[in-house]
């Protein structure tokens, strides 16, 4: 009888442990999977940029036309802080705090995109650098353009959430979904650190 009782203890403990275990959030798993896939794509573009660096037969070269976008980089990286604060505000059910930080995140991201557009305008119309000018132009616009596309997609999603928030459709109940979207925005910022280092530091 004692032996039988001793055997039931670990079985019960194991059952309780199994019941306590729960599946991870599907949104976070899905976003992490997406980020891993997108990281592989960015890696290919970064490797291509580095491989063809300095192999253009005609000008202009990176050192001749590129200007380091320090201010716009600070804006984009700062937006990671603001989107984090926005998500924290929503988790505390502070609607206006959430909307304020969320709007500032959009403004910082839009400022970065304005800087990118300004740089491309200067490169095309002042220096004649297009995607078909040389290998540098091809790899530069492909890599920076891929990142700009992801920022644009992020801004669209942030804008939709902002409109829903203003309409009162975003509450603490959607906090987990907002956190998933903020993961994407953090990913965009981290990718820019890599792109900035490759294009404006190593590539110069």
Protein backbone atom coordinates (compact mmCIF):
# COMPACT_ATOMS: atom_id res chain seq x y z
CA UNK A 1 0.00 0.00 0.00
CA UNK A 2 2.84 2.38 0.85
CA UNK A 3 4.52 1.62 -2.48
CA UNK A 4 1.31 2.32 -4.36
CA UNK A 5 0.87 5.63 -2.53
CA UNK A 6 4.45 6.62 -3.31
CA UNK A 7 3.86 5.99 -7.02
CA UNK A 8 0.82 8.26 -7.14
CA UNK A 9 2.73 11.34 -5.94
CA UNK A 10 5.02 11.84 -8.99
CA UNK A 11 2.14 10.97 -11.32
CA UNK A 12 -0.04 13.67 -9.74
CA UNK A 13 2.79 16.20 -9.76
CA UNK A 14 3.45 15.46 -13.41
CA UNK A 15 -0.23 15.94 -14.27
CA UNK A 16 -0.32 19.29 -12.46
CA UNK A 17 2.84 20.43 -14.25
CA UNK A 18 1.36 19.45 -17.60
CA UNK A 19 -1.83 21.33 -16.84
CA UNK A 20 0.12 24.47 -15.88
CA UNK A 21 2.06 24.51 -19.16
CA UNK A 22 0.49 26.61 -21.88
CA UNK A 23 1.27 27.31 -25.52
CA UNK A 24 3.20 30.50 -26.35
CA UNK A 25 1.30 33.44 -27.81
CA UNK A 26 0.54 32.74 -31.47
CA UNK A 27 1.04 36.37 -32.44
CA UNK A 28 4.55 36.49 -31.01
CA UNK A 29 5.49 33.15 -32.54
CA UNK A 30 4.19 34.28 -35.91
CA UNK A 31 6.05 37.59 -35.75
CA UNK A 32 9.28 35.88 -34.64
CA UNK A 33 8.99 33.49 -37.58
CA UNK A 34 8.43 36.41 -39.92
CA UNK A 35 11.41 38.29 -38.47
CA UNK A 36 13.68 35.26 -38.92
CA UNK A 37 12.60 34.92 -42.56
CA UNK A 38 13.07 38.63 -43.24
CA UNK A 39 16.47 38.58 -41.52
CA UNK A 40 17.60 35.95 -44.02
CA UNK A 41 16.51 38.19 -46.91
CA UNK A 42 18.31 41.21 -45.47
CA UNK A 43 21.42 39.09 -44.94
CA UNK A 44 21.48 38.25 -48.66
CA UNK A 45 21.22 41.91 -49.62
CA UNK A 46 23.93 42.93 -47.13
CA UNK A 47 26.30 40.23 -48.41
CA UNK A 48 25.63 41.32 -51.99
CA UNK A 49 26.37 44.95 -51.12
CA UNK A 50 29.66 44.02 -49.44
CA UNK A 51 30.63 41.62 -52.24
CA UNK A 52 30.21 44.24 -54.97
CA UNK A 53 31.66 47.09 -52.92
CA UNK A 54 34.41 48.83 -54.88
CA UNK A 55 33.82 46.77 -58.03
CA UNK A 56 31.93 49.40 -60.02
CA UNK A 57 33.64 50.16 -63.34
CA UNK A 58 32.20 53.68 -63.44
CA UNK A 59 31.40 56.35 -60.87
CA UNK A 60 30.18 57.71 -58.65
CA UNK A 61 31.61 55.83 -55.67
CA UNK A 62 30.08 55.78 -52.15
CA UNK A 63 32.66 58.17 -50.72
CA UNK A 64 31.86 60.70 -53.47
CA UNK A 65 28.10 61.00 -52.92
CA UNK A 66 26.96 59.54 -49.59
CA UNK A 67 26.29 61.75 -46.59
CA UNK A 68 25.90 60.11 -43.19
CA UNK A 69 22.25 60.52 -42.03
CA UNK A 70 23.00 60.90 -38.34
CA UNK A 71 19.94 62.99 -37.45
CA UNK A 72 17.49 60.72 -39.25
CA UNK A 73 19.14 57.66 -37.72
CA UNK A 74 18.64 59.13 -34.26
CA UNK A 75 14.98 59.72 -35.11
CA UNK A 76 14.42 56.13 -36.17
CA UNK A 77 16.25 54.58 -33.24
CA UNK A 78 14.41 56.89 -30.83
CA UNK A 79 11.13 55.55 -32.18
CA UNK A 80 11.96 52.19 -30.60
CA UNK A 81 11.84 53.91 -27.22
CA UNK A 82 8.55 55.67 -27.95
CA UNK A 83 6.80 52.56 -29.27
CA UNK A 84 7.92 50.69 -26.14
CA UNK A 85 6.52 53.45 -23.92
CA UNK A 86 3.29 53.41 -25.91
CA UNK A 87 2.88 49.67 -25.42
CA UNK A 88 3.55 50.06 -21.69
CA UNK A 89 0.96 52.82 -21.47
CA UNK A 90 -1.66 50.65 -23.14
CA UNK A 91 -0.84 47.76 -20.80
CA UNK A 92 -1.64 50.11 -17.89
CA UNK A 93 -4.89 51.09 -19.65
CA UNK A 94 -3.67 54.68 -20.07
CA UNK A 95 -5.29 55.47 -23.43
CA UNK A 96 -3.98 58.99 -23.95
CA UNK A 97 -0.46 58.08 -22.89
CA UNK A 98 -0.56 55.28 -25.43
CA UNK A 99 -1.86 57.54 -28.20
CA UNK A 100 0.69 60.26 -27.46
CA UNK A 101 3.72 57.97 -27.61
CA UNK A 102 2.25 56.09 -30.57
CA UNK A 103 1.78 59.33 -32.54
CA UNK A 104 5.34 60.38 -31.72
CA UNK A 105 6.57 57.00 -33.00
CA UNK A 106 4.82 57.62 -36.31
CA UNK A 107 6.25 61.14 -36.51
CA UNK A 108 9.80 59.88 -35.92
CA UNK A 109 9.39 57.12 -38.51
CA UNK A 110 7.94 59.57 -41.03
CA UNK A 111 10.85 61.94 -40.40
CA UNK A 112 13.26 59.13 -41.17
CA UNK A 113 11.44 58.36 -44.41
CA UNK A 114 11.55 62.04 -45.35
CA UNK A 115 15.33 61.92 -44.87
CA UNK A 116 15.58 58.84 -47.09
CA UNK A 117 13.50 60.49 -49.82
CA UNK A 118 15.60 63.63 -49.57
CA UNK A 119 18.80 61.63 -49.90
CA UNK A 120 17.54 59.73 -52.93
CA UNK A 121 16.46 62.98 -54.60
CA UNK A 122 19.95 64.41 -54.08
CA UNK A 123 21.69 61.27 -55.34
CA UNK A 124 19.52 61.03 -58.46
CA UNK A 125 19.29 64.67 -59.51
CA UNK A 126 22.60 66.07 -58.24
CA UNK A 127 24.91 63.10 -58.71
CA UNK A 128 23.09 61.07 -61.36
CA UNK A 129 23.16 57.90 -59.26
CA UNK A 130 20.26 55.61 -60.13
CA UNK A 131 19.71 51.90 -59.65
CA UNK A 132 21.14 51.26 -63.13
CA UNK A 133 24.16 53.61 -62.99
CA UNK A 134 26.65 51.06 -61.65
CA UNK A 135 26.97 48.18 -59.21
CA UNK A 136 27.06 50.57 -56.28
CA UNK A 137 23.78 52.16 -57.36
CA UNK A 138 22.15 48.78 -57.84
CA UNK A 139 23.14 47.36 -54.48
CA UNK A 140 22.63 50.64 -52.60
CA UNK A 141 19.06 51.23 -53.74
CA UNK A 142 18.23 47.54 -53.33
CA UNK A 143 19.45 47.36 -49.73
CA UNK A 144 18.32 50.77 -48.50
CA UNK A 145 15.12 50.49 -50.53
CA UNK A 146 14.27 47.14 -48.96
CA UNK A 147 14.60 48.69 -45.52
CA UNK A 148 12.59 51.75 -46.56
CA UNK A 149 9.83 49.44 -47.79
CA UNK A 150 9.67 47.73 -44.38
CA UNK A 151 9.55 51.10 -42.61
CA UNK A 152 6.70 52.19 -44.89
CA UNK A 153 4.75 49.00 -44.13
CA UNK A 154 5.35 49.59 -40.43
CA UNK A 155 4.12 53.19 -40.66
CA UNK A 156 0.95 52.06 -42.41
CA UNK A 157 0.23 49.53 -39.64
CA UNK A 158 1.04 52.07 -36.92
CA UNK A 159 -1.25 54.56 -38.62
CA UNK A 160 -4.13 52.10 -38.73
CA UNK A 161 -3.72 51.36 -35.02
CA UNK A 162 -3.61 55.10 -34.29
CA UNK A 163 -6.90 55.67 -36.12
CA UNK A 164 -8.50 52.77 -34.28
CA UNK A 165 -7.13 54.13 -31.00
CA UNK A 166 -8.55 57.59 -31.62
CA UNK A 167 -11.89 55.94 -32.39
CA UNK A 168 -11.72 54.17 -29.04
CA UNK A 169 -11.29 50.71 -30.56
CA UNK A 170 -7.90 49.99 -28.94
CA UNK A 171 -7.84 49.13 -25.25
CA UNK A 172 -5.86 47.07 -22.79
CA UNK A 173 -7.50 44.00 -24.28
CA UNK A 174 -5.44 44.57 -27.45
CA UNK A 175 -2.20 45.05 -25.53
CA UNK A 176 -0.75 41.73 -26.72
CA UNK A 177 -1.40 42.62 -30.37
CA UNK A 178 0.21 46.01 -29.93
CA UNK A 179 3.26 44.31 -28.45
CA UNK A 180 3.49 42.08 -31.52
CA UNK A 181 3.45 45.14 -33.80
CA UNK A 182 6.09 46.82 -31.66
CA UNK A 183 8.28 43.74 -32.16
CA UNK A 184 8.17 44.40 -35.91
CA UNK A 185 9.11 48.04 -35.37
CA UNK A 186 12.07 47.07 -33.16
CA UNK A 187 13.16 44.69 -35.92
CA UNK A 188 13.09 47.53 -38.46
CA UNK A 189 15.28 49.63 -36.17
CA UNK A 190 17.79 46.85 -35.57
CA UNK A 191 18.04 46.22 -39.30
CA UNK A 192 18.81 49.90 -39.85
CA UNK A 193 21.74 49.66 -37.43
CA UNK A 194 23.17 46.93 -39.66
CA UNK A 195 22.40 48.81 -42.90
CA UNK A 196 23.84 52.05 -41.51
CA UNK A 197 27.03 50.28 -40.45
CA UNK A 198 27.46 48.51 -43.79
CA UNK A 199 26.60 51.43 -46.08
CA UNK A 200 27.78 54.51 -44.22
CA UNK A 201 30.65 53.16 -42.09
CA UNK A 202 32.23 50.12 -43.75
CA UNK A 203 31.18 51.14 -47.27
CA UNK A 204 32.80 54.57 -47.07
